[in-house]
């Protein structure tokens, strides 16, 4: 089942690089919930998720991302990542991703904290 999260993160990275609405929509179920921080109001559904993503999009090729799976509880995955912006800060990330049986995310919550220089 850990292969499911690897596949999802590979697709997430593709969407991160392309900023293509179809790539973004393909990551999430139609009624998915996406939170950019744990207690933020979520973006719900494809329309809100794509709009929020594109409002905060990164330029293609502007970031390196490494990750590792911290754990799994059924369809819920806990991912630790490091996002290194080529011309900016580096962030530590924690993701909680709930995958539907078809491999798309039903819920996605991210934490990101800037690392000290």
Protein backbone atom coordinates (compact mmCIF):
# COMPACT_ATOMS: atom_id res chain seq x y z
CA UNK A 1 0.00 0.00 0.00
CA UNK A 2 2.98 2.36 0.46
CA UNK A 3 3.28 2.20 -3.34
CA UNK A 4 0.00 4.13 -3.48
CA UNK A 5 1.50 7.14 -1.71
CA UNK A 6 4.64 6.99 -3.85
CA UNK A 7 2.49 7.07 -6.98
CA UNK A 8 0.39 9.92 -5.57
CA UNK A 9 3.46 12.00 -4.65
CA UNK A 10 4.95 11.40 -8.11
CA UNK A 11 1.71 12.75 -9.60
CA UNK A 12 1.71 15.63 -7.10
CA UNK A 13 5.23 16.59 -8.22
CA UNK A 14 4.13 16.46 -11.86
CA UNK A 15 1.23 18.82 -11.05
CA UNK A 16 3.56 21.04 -8.99
CA UNK A 17 5.82 21.41 -12.03
CA UNK A 18 3.10 21.79 -14.66
CA UNK A 19 0.45 23.81 -12.79
CA UNK A 20 -1.92 22.20 -15.26
CA UNK A 21 -5.50 22.17 -13.91
CA UNK A 22 -6.03 18.63 -15.28
CA UNK A 23 -2.92 17.38 -13.42
CA UNK A 24 -4.15 19.06 -10.22
CA UNK A 25 -7.70 17.68 -10.52
CA UNK A 26 -6.32 14.18 -11.17
CA UNK A 27 -4.82 14.18 -7.66
CA UNK A 28 -8.09 14.65 -5.79
CA UNK A 29 -11.55 13.13 -5.58
CA UNK A 30 -14.36 15.45 -6.70
CA UNK A 31 -15.31 16.22 -3.09
CA UNK A 32 -11.78 16.28 -1.65
CA UNK A 33 -10.69 18.63 1.12
CA UNK A 34 -7.29 20.43 0.93
CA UNK A 35 -5.87 22.39 3.85
CA UNK A 36 -2.70 24.45 3.49
CA UNK A 37 -2.35 24.38 7.26
CA UNK A 38 -4.05 22.22 9.88
CA UNK A 39 -6.68 24.65 11.14
CA UNK A 40 -7.27 26.65 7.95
CA UNK A 41 -10.58 26.57 6.16
CA UNK A 42 -10.23 23.87 3.52
CA UNK A 43 -10.51 24.21 -0.20
CA UNK A 44 -13.29 21.76 -1.01
CA UNK A 45 -13.75 20.12 -4.37
CA UNK A 46 -11.91 20.45 -7.65
CA UNK A 47 -12.85 24.08 -8.38
CA UNK A 48 -11.60 25.47 -5.05
CA UNK A 49 -8.52 23.23 -4.98
CA UNK A 50 -7.41 24.21 -8.49
CA UNK A 51 -8.06 27.92 -7.83
CA UNK A 52 -6.12 27.83 -4.56
CA UNK A 53 -3.25 25.90 -6.13
CA UNK A 54 -2.94 28.29 -9.08
CA UNK A 55 -3.13 31.35 -6.79
CA UNK A 56 -0.06 30.06 -4.92
CA UNK A 57 1.71 28.23 -7.76
CA UNK A 58 5.47 27.92 -7.98
CA UNK A 59 7.40 28.41 -11.20
CA UNK A 60 8.32 25.12 -12.88
CA UNK A 61 11.84 24.01 -11.96
CA UNK A 62 12.10 26.44 -9.04
CA UNK A 63 12.07 23.87 -6.25
CA UNK A 64 13.59 20.58 -5.15
CA UNK A 65 11.52 18.25 -2.98
CA UNK A 66 12.57 15.21 -0.98
CA UNK A 67 10.27 13.11 1.15
CA UNK A 68 9.94 9.98 3.23
CA UNK A 69 6.99 8.06 4.56
CA UNK A 70 6.71 8.40 8.34
CA UNK A 71 3.80 6.03 8.75
CA UNK A 72 0.47 4.78 7.58
CA UNK A 73 -2.85 4.02 9.23
CA UNK A 74 -5.09 2.32 6.70
CA UNK A 75 -5.62 4.81 3.87
CA UNK A 76 -4.05 7.68 5.84
CA UNK A 77 -0.37 8.47 5.16
CA UNK A 78 2.05 10.64 7.10
CA UNK A 79 4.81 12.16 4.97
CA UNK A 80 7.81 14.25 5.98
CA UNK A 81 9.32 16.43 3.27
CA UNK A 82 11.86 19.13 2.59
CA UNK A 83 11.09 21.79 -0.01
CA UNK A 84 14.15 23.73 -1.16
CA UNK A 85 13.45 26.80 -3.27
CA UNK A 86 16.41 27.56 -5.54
CA UNK A 87 16.12 31.32 -4.99
CA UNK A 88 14.53 31.31 -1.57
CA UNK A 89 13.97 29.53 1.69
CA UNK A 90 13.91 25.85 2.56
CA UNK A 91 10.86 24.44 4.30
CA UNK A 92 10.24 21.39 6.45
CA UNK A 93 6.91 19.80 5.55
CA UNK A 94 4.50 17.39 7.17
CA UNK A 95 1.66 16.03 5.04
CA UNK A 96 -1.33 13.97 6.05
CA UNK A 97 -2.91 12.39 3.00
CA UNK A 98 -6.02 10.20 2.97
CA UNK A 99 -6.24 8.23 -0.26
CA UNK A 100 -9.42 6.89 -1.81
CA UNK A 101 -9.37 3.33 -3.19
CA UNK A 102 -8.68 4.75 -6.68
CA UNK A 103 -5.46 6.43 -5.46
CA UNK A 104 -6.74 10.01 -5.43
CA UNK A 105 -6.66 12.07 -2.24
CA UNK A 106 -9.89 12.52 -0.31
CA UNK A 107 -8.15 14.71 2.25
CA UNK A 108 -4.82 16.54 2.17
CA UNK A 109 -3.41 18.67 4.98
CA UNK A 110 0.04 20.20 4.94
CA UNK A 111 2.22 21.92 7.50
CA UNK A 112 5.24 23.90 6.31
CA UNK A 113 7.81 25.60 8.46
CA UNK A 114 10.72 27.68 7.19
CA UNK A 115 14.10 26.30 8.18
CA UNK A 116 16.71 28.64 9.60
CA UNK A 117 19.37 29.67 7.10
